N, C-alpha and C. Protein backbone atom coordinates (compact mmCIF):
# COMPACT_ATOMS: atom_id res chain seq x y z
N MET A 1 -1.42 23.27 -19.06
CA MET A 1 -1.00 22.32 -18.12
C MET A 1 -0.35 20.59 -18.77
N ALA A 2 0.37 20.10 -18.03
CA ALA A 2 0.95 19.06 -18.43
C ALA A 2 0.19 17.87 -18.25
N LYS A 3 0.24 16.71 -18.83
CA LYS A 3 -0.18 15.57 -19.52
C LYS A 3 0.58 14.73 -19.37
N TYR A 4 0.10 13.64 -18.53
CA TYR A 4 0.84 12.15 -18.32
C TYR A 4 0.18 11.01 -18.47
N THR A 5 1.03 9.81 -18.81
CA THR A 5 0.30 8.56 -18.66
C THR A 5 0.68 7.88 -17.65
N PHE A 6 -0.20 7.09 -16.79
CA PHE A 6 0.27 6.31 -15.64
C PHE A 6 -0.30 4.99 -15.53
N VAL A 7 0.96 4.39 -15.93
CA VAL A 7 0.84 3.16 -16.72
C VAL A 7 0.98 2.08 -15.39
N VAL A 8 -0.06 1.05 -15.14
CA VAL A 8 0.24 0.24 -14.25
C VAL A 8 -0.06 -1.76 -14.68
N LEU A 9 0.86 -2.26 -14.47
CA LEU A 9 0.78 -3.70 -14.63
C LEU A 9 0.58 -4.48 -13.79
N THR A 10 -0.04 -5.58 -13.51
CA THR A 10 -0.76 -6.30 -12.25
C THR A 10 -1.25 -7.15 -12.37
N ASN A 11 -1.45 -8.14 -11.64
CA ASN A 11 -1.87 -9.47 -11.24
C ASN A 11 -2.85 -9.68 -10.21
N PRO A 12 -3.71 -10.38 -10.25
CA PRO A 12 -4.42 -10.67 -9.35
C PRO A 12 -3.39 -11.83 -8.30
N THR A 13 -3.71 -11.76 -7.10
CA THR A 13 -3.31 -12.88 -6.32
C THR A 13 -3.90 -14.08 -6.48
N PRO A 14 -3.32 -15.35 -6.72
CA PRO A 14 -3.88 -16.93 -7.37
C PRO A 14 -4.84 -17.25 -6.64
N GLY A 15 -6.07 -17.20 -7.45
CA GLY A 15 -7.25 -17.79 -6.88
C GLY A 15 -8.19 -16.63 -6.42
N LYS A 16 -7.76 -15.47 -6.88
CA LYS A 16 -8.62 -14.30 -6.49
C LYS A 16 -8.72 -13.49 -7.45
N ASP A 17 -9.15 -14.02 -8.88
CA ASP A 17 -9.24 -13.26 -10.03
C ASP A 17 -10.72 -12.33 -9.81
N ALA A 18 -11.97 -13.06 -9.37
CA ALA A 18 -13.25 -12.54 -9.10
C ALA A 18 -12.89 -11.08 -8.54
N GLU A 19 -12.25 -11.33 -7.02
CA GLU A 19 -12.26 -10.62 -5.96
C GLU A 19 -11.64 -8.96 -6.65
N TYR A 20 -9.89 -9.55 -7.24
CA TYR A 20 -9.32 -8.53 -7.59
C TYR A 20 -10.03 -7.54 -8.61
N ASN A 21 -10.64 -8.32 -9.72
CA ASN A 21 -11.56 -7.36 -11.05
C ASN A 21 -12.87 -6.40 -10.05
N ARG A 22 -13.42 -7.16 -8.98
CA ARG A 22 -14.55 -6.16 -8.56
C ARG A 22 -13.92 -5.33 -7.59
N TRP A 23 -12.79 -5.50 -7.05
CA TRP A 23 -12.22 -4.35 -6.18
C TRP A 23 -11.66 -3.23 -6.88
N TYR A 24 -10.71 -3.48 -8.30
CA TYR A 24 -10.20 -3.09 -9.03
C TYR A 24 -11.20 -1.98 -9.64
N ASN A 25 -12.13 -2.40 -10.11
CA ASN A 25 -13.45 -1.67 -10.99
C ASN A 25 -14.30 -0.94 -9.85
N GLU A 26 -14.27 -1.34 -8.97
CA GLU A 26 -15.34 -0.75 -8.03
C GLU A 26 -15.03 0.17 -7.15
N GLN A 27 -13.85 -0.28 -6.34
CA GLN A 27 -13.15 0.47 -5.16
C GLN A 27 -11.72 1.33 -5.57
N HIS A 28 -11.09 0.48 -6.44
CA HIS A 28 -9.80 1.22 -6.66
C HIS A 28 -9.50 2.16 -7.72
N ILE A 29 -10.00 1.88 -9.13
CA ILE A 29 -10.28 3.43 -9.74
C ILE A 29 -10.81 4.51 -9.22
N PRO A 30 -11.98 4.32 -8.35
CA PRO A 30 -12.83 5.53 -7.80
C PRO A 30 -11.73 6.06 -7.17
N ASP A 31 -10.85 5.39 -6.22
CA ASP A 31 -10.40 6.26 -5.05
C ASP A 31 -9.13 6.76 -6.13
N VAL A 32 -8.35 6.32 -6.77
CA VAL A 32 -7.24 7.04 -7.39
C VAL A 32 -8.01 7.70 -8.30
N LEU A 33 -8.79 8.11 -8.32
CA LEU A 33 -9.34 9.44 -9.65
C LEU A 33 -9.84 10.64 -8.82
N GLN A 34 -9.68 10.11 -7.24
CA GLN A 34 -9.85 11.39 -6.24
C GLN A 34 -8.62 12.08 -6.40
N ALA A 35 -7.50 11.48 -6.23
CA ALA A 35 -6.16 12.35 -6.26
C ALA A 35 -6.21 13.44 -7.20
N ARG A 36 -5.32 14.16 -6.47
CA ARG A 36 -5.34 15.58 -7.44
C ARG A 36 -4.60 14.96 -8.90
N GLY A 37 -4.92 15.59 -9.97
CA GLY A 37 -4.68 15.65 -11.09
C GLY A 37 -4.67 14.49 -12.06
N PHE A 38 -5.56 13.42 -11.33
CA PHE A 38 -5.89 12.50 -12.07
C PHE A 38 -7.43 12.54 -12.80
N VAL A 39 -7.56 12.42 -14.39
CA VAL A 39 -8.72 12.71 -14.92
C VAL A 39 -9.44 11.69 -15.60
N CYS A 40 -8.83 10.28 -15.45
CA CYS A 40 -9.46 9.51 -16.18
C CYS A 40 -8.56 8.00 -16.22
N ALA A 41 -9.35 6.81 -16.34
CA ALA A 41 -8.59 5.56 -16.05
C ALA A 41 -9.80 4.64 -17.18
N GLN A 42 -8.81 3.19 -17.47
CA GLN A 42 -9.27 2.77 -18.18
C GLN A 42 -8.46 1.38 -17.72
N ARG A 43 -9.06 0.46 -17.65
CA ARG A 43 -8.37 -0.99 -17.59
C ARG A 43 -8.52 -2.20 -18.68
N PHE A 44 -7.43 -3.13 -18.90
CA PHE A 44 -7.69 -3.84 -20.10
C PHE A 44 -6.93 -5.29 -19.42
N ARG A 45 -7.40 -6.33 -19.90
CA ARG A 45 -6.84 -7.71 -19.83
C ARG A 45 -5.88 -8.32 -21.09
N LEU A 46 -4.99 -8.55 -20.53
CA LEU A 46 -3.89 -9.15 -21.51
C LEU A 46 -4.84 -10.18 -23.00
N ALA A 47 -4.81 -9.97 -23.93
CA ALA A 47 -5.64 -10.31 -25.27
C ALA A 47 -5.11 -11.82 -25.39
N ASP A 48 -5.65 -12.61 -25.82
CA ASP A 48 -5.51 -13.98 -25.78
C ASP A 48 -4.33 -14.14 -27.25
N THR A 49 -4.57 -13.55 -28.60
CA THR A 49 -3.86 -13.24 -29.28
C THR A 49 -2.67 -12.35 -28.92
N GLN A 50 -0.97 -12.71 -29.24
CA GLN A 50 0.00 -11.45 -29.13
C GLN A 50 0.59 -11.86 -30.20
N MET A 51 1.47 -10.80 -30.41
CA MET A 51 2.70 -10.83 -31.21
C MET A 51 3.62 -12.13 -31.13
N GLY A 52 3.79 -12.81 -32.16
CA GLY A 52 4.58 -13.89 -31.82
C GLY A 52 4.13 -14.75 -31.61
N GLY A 53 3.01 -15.00 -30.84
CA GLY A 53 2.20 -16.22 -30.14
C GLY A 53 2.47 -16.49 -29.07
N ASP A 54 3.21 -15.30 -28.36
CA ASP A 54 4.04 -15.72 -27.20
C ASP A 54 2.69 -15.51 -26.16
N THR A 55 1.79 -15.76 -25.51
CA THR A 55 0.93 -15.41 -24.45
C THR A 55 1.43 -15.35 -22.83
N ASN A 56 3.16 -15.87 -22.84
CA ASN A 56 3.18 -16.24 -21.64
C ASN A 56 4.05 -14.64 -20.83
N LYS A 57 2.79 -13.71 -20.87
CA LYS A 57 3.74 -12.59 -20.52
C LYS A 57 3.59 -12.45 -18.54
N PRO A 58 4.18 -11.28 -18.11
CA PRO A 58 4.64 -11.44 -16.77
C PRO A 58 3.33 -10.69 -16.02
N HIS A 59 2.06 -9.80 -16.91
CA HIS A 59 1.42 -9.15 -16.11
C HIS A 59 -0.18 -9.75 -17.08
N LYS A 60 -0.90 -9.90 -16.43
CA LYS A 60 -2.61 -10.05 -17.08
C LYS A 60 -3.04 -8.47 -17.22
N TYR A 61 -3.05 -8.03 -16.25
CA TYR A 61 -3.92 -6.40 -16.45
C TYR A 61 -3.04 -5.13 -16.67
N LEU A 62 -3.58 -4.14 -17.43
CA LEU A 62 -3.35 -3.04 -17.42
C LEU A 62 -3.78 -1.94 -17.23
N ALA A 63 -3.78 -0.91 -16.04
CA ALA A 63 -4.48 0.03 -16.28
C ALA A 63 -3.64 1.25 -16.37
N LEU A 64 -4.11 2.44 -17.28
CA LEU A 64 -3.91 3.42 -17.64
C LEU A 64 -4.78 4.44 -16.88
N TYR A 65 -3.84 5.41 -16.50
CA TYR A 65 -4.61 6.77 -15.61
C TYR A 65 -4.31 7.82 -16.60
N GLU A 66 -4.62 8.89 -16.95
CA GLU A 66 -4.49 10.23 -17.16
C GLU A 66 -4.20 11.20 -16.13
N ILE A 67 -3.02 11.89 -16.17
CA ILE A 67 -2.95 12.73 -15.23
C ILE A 67 -2.57 14.12 -15.95
N GLU A 68 -3.37 15.29 -15.45
CA GLU A 68 -3.33 16.63 -15.78
C GLU A 68 -2.75 17.73 -14.77
N THR A 69 -1.45 18.13 -14.94
CA THR A 69 -1.22 18.36 -13.23
C THR A 69 0.17 19.36 -13.82
N ASP A 70 0.30 20.86 -13.33
CA ASP A 70 1.58 21.20 -13.41
C ASP A 70 2.66 21.08 -12.02
N ASP A 71 2.21 19.95 -11.04
CA ASP A 71 2.93 19.41 -10.38
C ASP A 71 2.55 18.00 -10.08
N LEU A 72 3.21 17.29 -11.26
CA LEU A 72 3.17 15.88 -11.27
C LEU A 72 3.80 15.11 -9.89
N GLN A 73 4.51 15.52 -8.97
CA GLN A 73 5.11 15.28 -7.85
C GLN A 73 4.13 15.40 -6.58
N GLY A 74 3.58 16.53 -6.90
CA GLY A 74 2.40 16.60 -6.13
C GLY A 74 1.24 15.88 -5.98
N SER A 75 0.86 15.43 -7.36
CA SER A 75 -0.24 14.61 -7.43
C SER A 75 0.18 13.23 -7.30
N LEU A 76 1.87 12.89 -7.30
CA LEU A 76 1.74 11.43 -6.74
C LEU A 76 1.78 11.22 -4.93
N ASP A 77 2.28 12.36 -4.84
CA ASP A 77 2.30 12.47 -2.91
C ASP A 77 1.04 12.32 -2.54
N ASP A 78 0.28 12.86 -3.03
CA ASP A 78 -1.39 13.11 -3.07
C ASP A 78 -1.81 11.56 -3.10
N LEU A 79 -1.50 10.90 -4.04
CA LEU A 79 -1.60 9.37 -4.76
C LEU A 79 -1.15 9.13 -3.29
N ALA A 80 0.21 8.67 -3.18
CA ALA A 80 0.67 7.83 -1.79
C ALA A 80 0.48 8.21 -0.39
N SER A 81 -0.01 9.28 0.13
CA SER A 81 -0.65 9.64 1.07
C SER A 81 -2.22 9.14 1.44
N ARG A 82 -2.45 8.72 0.33
CA ARG A 82 -3.79 8.08 0.29
C ARG A 82 -4.03 6.52 0.51
N ARG A 83 -2.73 5.82 0.22
CA ARG A 83 -2.93 4.20 0.49
C ARG A 83 -3.09 3.86 1.76
N ASP A 84 -3.93 2.67 2.19
CA ASP A 84 -3.75 1.96 3.17
C ASP A 84 -4.68 2.85 3.77
N THR A 85 -5.58 3.86 3.27
CA THR A 85 -6.27 5.04 4.51
C THR A 85 -7.84 4.39 4.06
N PRO A 86 -8.88 5.03 4.73
CA PRO A 86 -9.93 4.94 3.93
C PRO A 86 -10.32 5.31 2.73
N ASP A 87 -9.70 6.22 2.51
CA ASP A 87 -9.62 7.19 0.96
C ASP A 87 -8.83 6.19 -0.60
N MET A 88 -7.98 5.04 0.48
CA MET A 88 -8.06 3.77 -0.72
C MET A 88 -7.48 2.91 -0.06
N VAL A 89 -8.66 2.08 0.27
CA VAL A 89 -8.59 0.76 0.50
C VAL A 89 -7.86 -0.38 -0.41
N MET A 90 -7.06 -1.39 0.00
CA MET A 90 -6.28 -1.95 -0.43
C MET A 90 -6.81 -3.06 -0.50
N SER A 91 -6.30 -4.28 -1.26
CA SER A 91 -7.04 -5.61 -1.35
C SER A 91 -5.86 -6.48 -1.41
N ASP A 92 -6.12 -7.46 -0.53
CA ASP A 92 -4.78 -8.97 -0.79
C ASP A 92 -5.18 -9.40 -2.18
N ALA A 93 -6.49 -9.18 -2.88
CA ALA A 93 -6.27 -10.04 -4.31
C ALA A 93 -5.55 -9.20 -5.23
N ILE A 94 -4.79 -8.18 -4.97
CA ILE A 94 -3.90 -8.17 -5.90
C ILE A 94 -2.44 -8.21 -5.32
N ASP A 95 -1.40 -8.99 -6.05
CA ASP A 95 -0.08 -9.17 -6.22
C ASP A 95 0.60 -8.20 -6.00
N LEU A 96 0.77 -7.50 -5.12
CA LEU A 96 1.54 -6.24 -5.24
C LEU A 96 3.22 -6.34 -5.60
N LYS A 97 3.51 -7.46 -5.19
CA LYS A 97 5.12 -7.50 -5.09
C LYS A 97 5.48 -8.09 -6.84
N GLY A 98 4.74 -8.21 -7.43
CA GLY A 98 4.65 -8.60 -8.96
C GLY A 98 4.58 -7.02 -9.68
N ALA A 99 3.85 -6.08 -8.99
CA ALA A 99 3.46 -4.85 -9.70
C ALA A 99 4.30 -4.00 -10.56
N ALA A 100 3.97 -3.31 -11.79
CA ALA A 100 5.02 -2.27 -11.99
C ALA A 100 3.95 -0.99 -12.39
N ALA A 101 4.64 0.06 -11.90
CA ALA A 101 3.70 1.40 -11.90
C ALA A 101 4.91 2.57 -12.59
N LEU A 102 4.46 2.88 -13.84
CA LEU A 102 5.33 4.25 -14.41
C LEU A 102 4.57 5.32 -15.10
N ILE A 103 5.45 6.49 -15.31
CA ILE A 103 4.62 7.52 -15.61
C ILE A 103 5.36 8.09 -16.65
N PHE A 104 4.42 8.19 -17.69
CA PHE A 104 5.25 8.64 -19.13
C PHE A 104 4.81 9.74 -19.16
N THR A 105 5.22 10.64 -20.07
CA THR A 105 4.66 11.84 -20.60
C THR A 105 5.08 12.00 -22.17
N PRO A 106 4.30 12.62 -22.70
CA PRO A 106 4.13 12.45 -24.31
C PRO A 106 5.08 13.29 -25.30
N VAL A 107 5.84 12.66 -25.92
CA VAL A 107 6.56 13.25 -26.51
C VAL A 107 5.97 14.06 -28.44
N THR A 108 4.85 13.47 -28.40
CA THR A 108 4.09 13.87 -30.05
C THR A 108 2.80 14.03 -29.51
N GLU A 109 2.25 14.97 -30.31
CA GLU A 109 0.75 14.40 -29.95
C GLU A 109 0.12 13.31 -30.78
N LYS A 110 -1.24 12.97 -30.14
CA LYS A 110 -1.86 11.52 -30.84
C LYS A 110 -1.31 11.57 -32.71
N VAL A 111 -1.21 10.51 -33.20
CA VAL A 111 -1.31 10.45 -34.54
C VAL A 111 -2.37 9.48 -35.02
N MET A 112 -2.91 10.18 -35.46
CA MET A 112 -4.57 9.31 -36.40
C MET A 112 -4.13 8.36 -37.57
N ALA A 113 -4.58 7.20 -37.67
CA ALA A 113 -4.17 6.57 -39.16
C ALA A 113 -4.76 7.23 -39.98
N LYS A 114 -5.74 8.15 -40.11
CA LYS A 114 -6.25 8.60 -41.15
C LYS A 114 -5.55 9.82 -41.96
N ASP A 115 -4.95 10.23 -40.96
CA ASP A 115 -3.86 11.72 -41.05
C ASP A 115 -2.64 10.86 -41.74
N VAL A 116 -2.26 9.93 -41.65
CA VAL A 116 -1.06 9.75 -42.10
C VAL A 116 -1.46 8.58 -43.43
N ALA A 117 -2.27 7.93 -43.98
CA ALA A 117 -2.72 7.26 -45.01
C ALA A 117 -2.23 7.24 -45.95
N ARG A 118 -1.64 6.50 -46.98
CA ARG A 118 -0.65 6.88 -47.84
C ARG A 118 -1.16 5.72 -48.66
N PRO A 119 -0.44 5.51 -49.91
CA PRO A 119 -0.53 4.71 -50.99
C PRO A 119 0.63 3.65 -50.41
N ARG A 120 -0.07 2.21 -50.42
CA ARG A 120 0.92 0.90 -49.65
C ARG A 120 2.35 1.22 -51.14
N ARG A 121 3.22 0.99 -50.28
CA ARG A 121 4.85 0.64 -51.03
C ARG A 121 4.56 -0.37 -51.86
N ALA A 122 5.68 -0.79 -52.81
CA ALA A 122 5.52 -1.79 -53.67
C ALA A 122 6.29 -2.80 -52.58
N ALA A 123 6.68 -4.20 -52.61
CA ALA A 123 7.48 -4.94 -51.79
C ALA A 123 8.57 -4.86 -52.49
């Protein structure tokens, strides 16, 4: 079975952070995980420390969903068919205009640091 990672970058509607987080955690993730092929999800908040020190980034939140299916389009169609129905209640606390959603397919197996450990190179 093929595996995919669904990457979703979002922000709350200004002034609705608490409502957005409550809805996303308690309503939206469980709704999405009912769609065919969606097996797990995890959310992240942008860390206060960033490479180069720039914390002015376009998205404050990241959700990663793992999808396992041999019919990716069917899974995405199932997800889309649920939107704005009792099976996937949306909230005005999410800024959908600025959201980004992308599907990635693996090009390698996971590489663990312990498996590639080697002596430091001289500078």
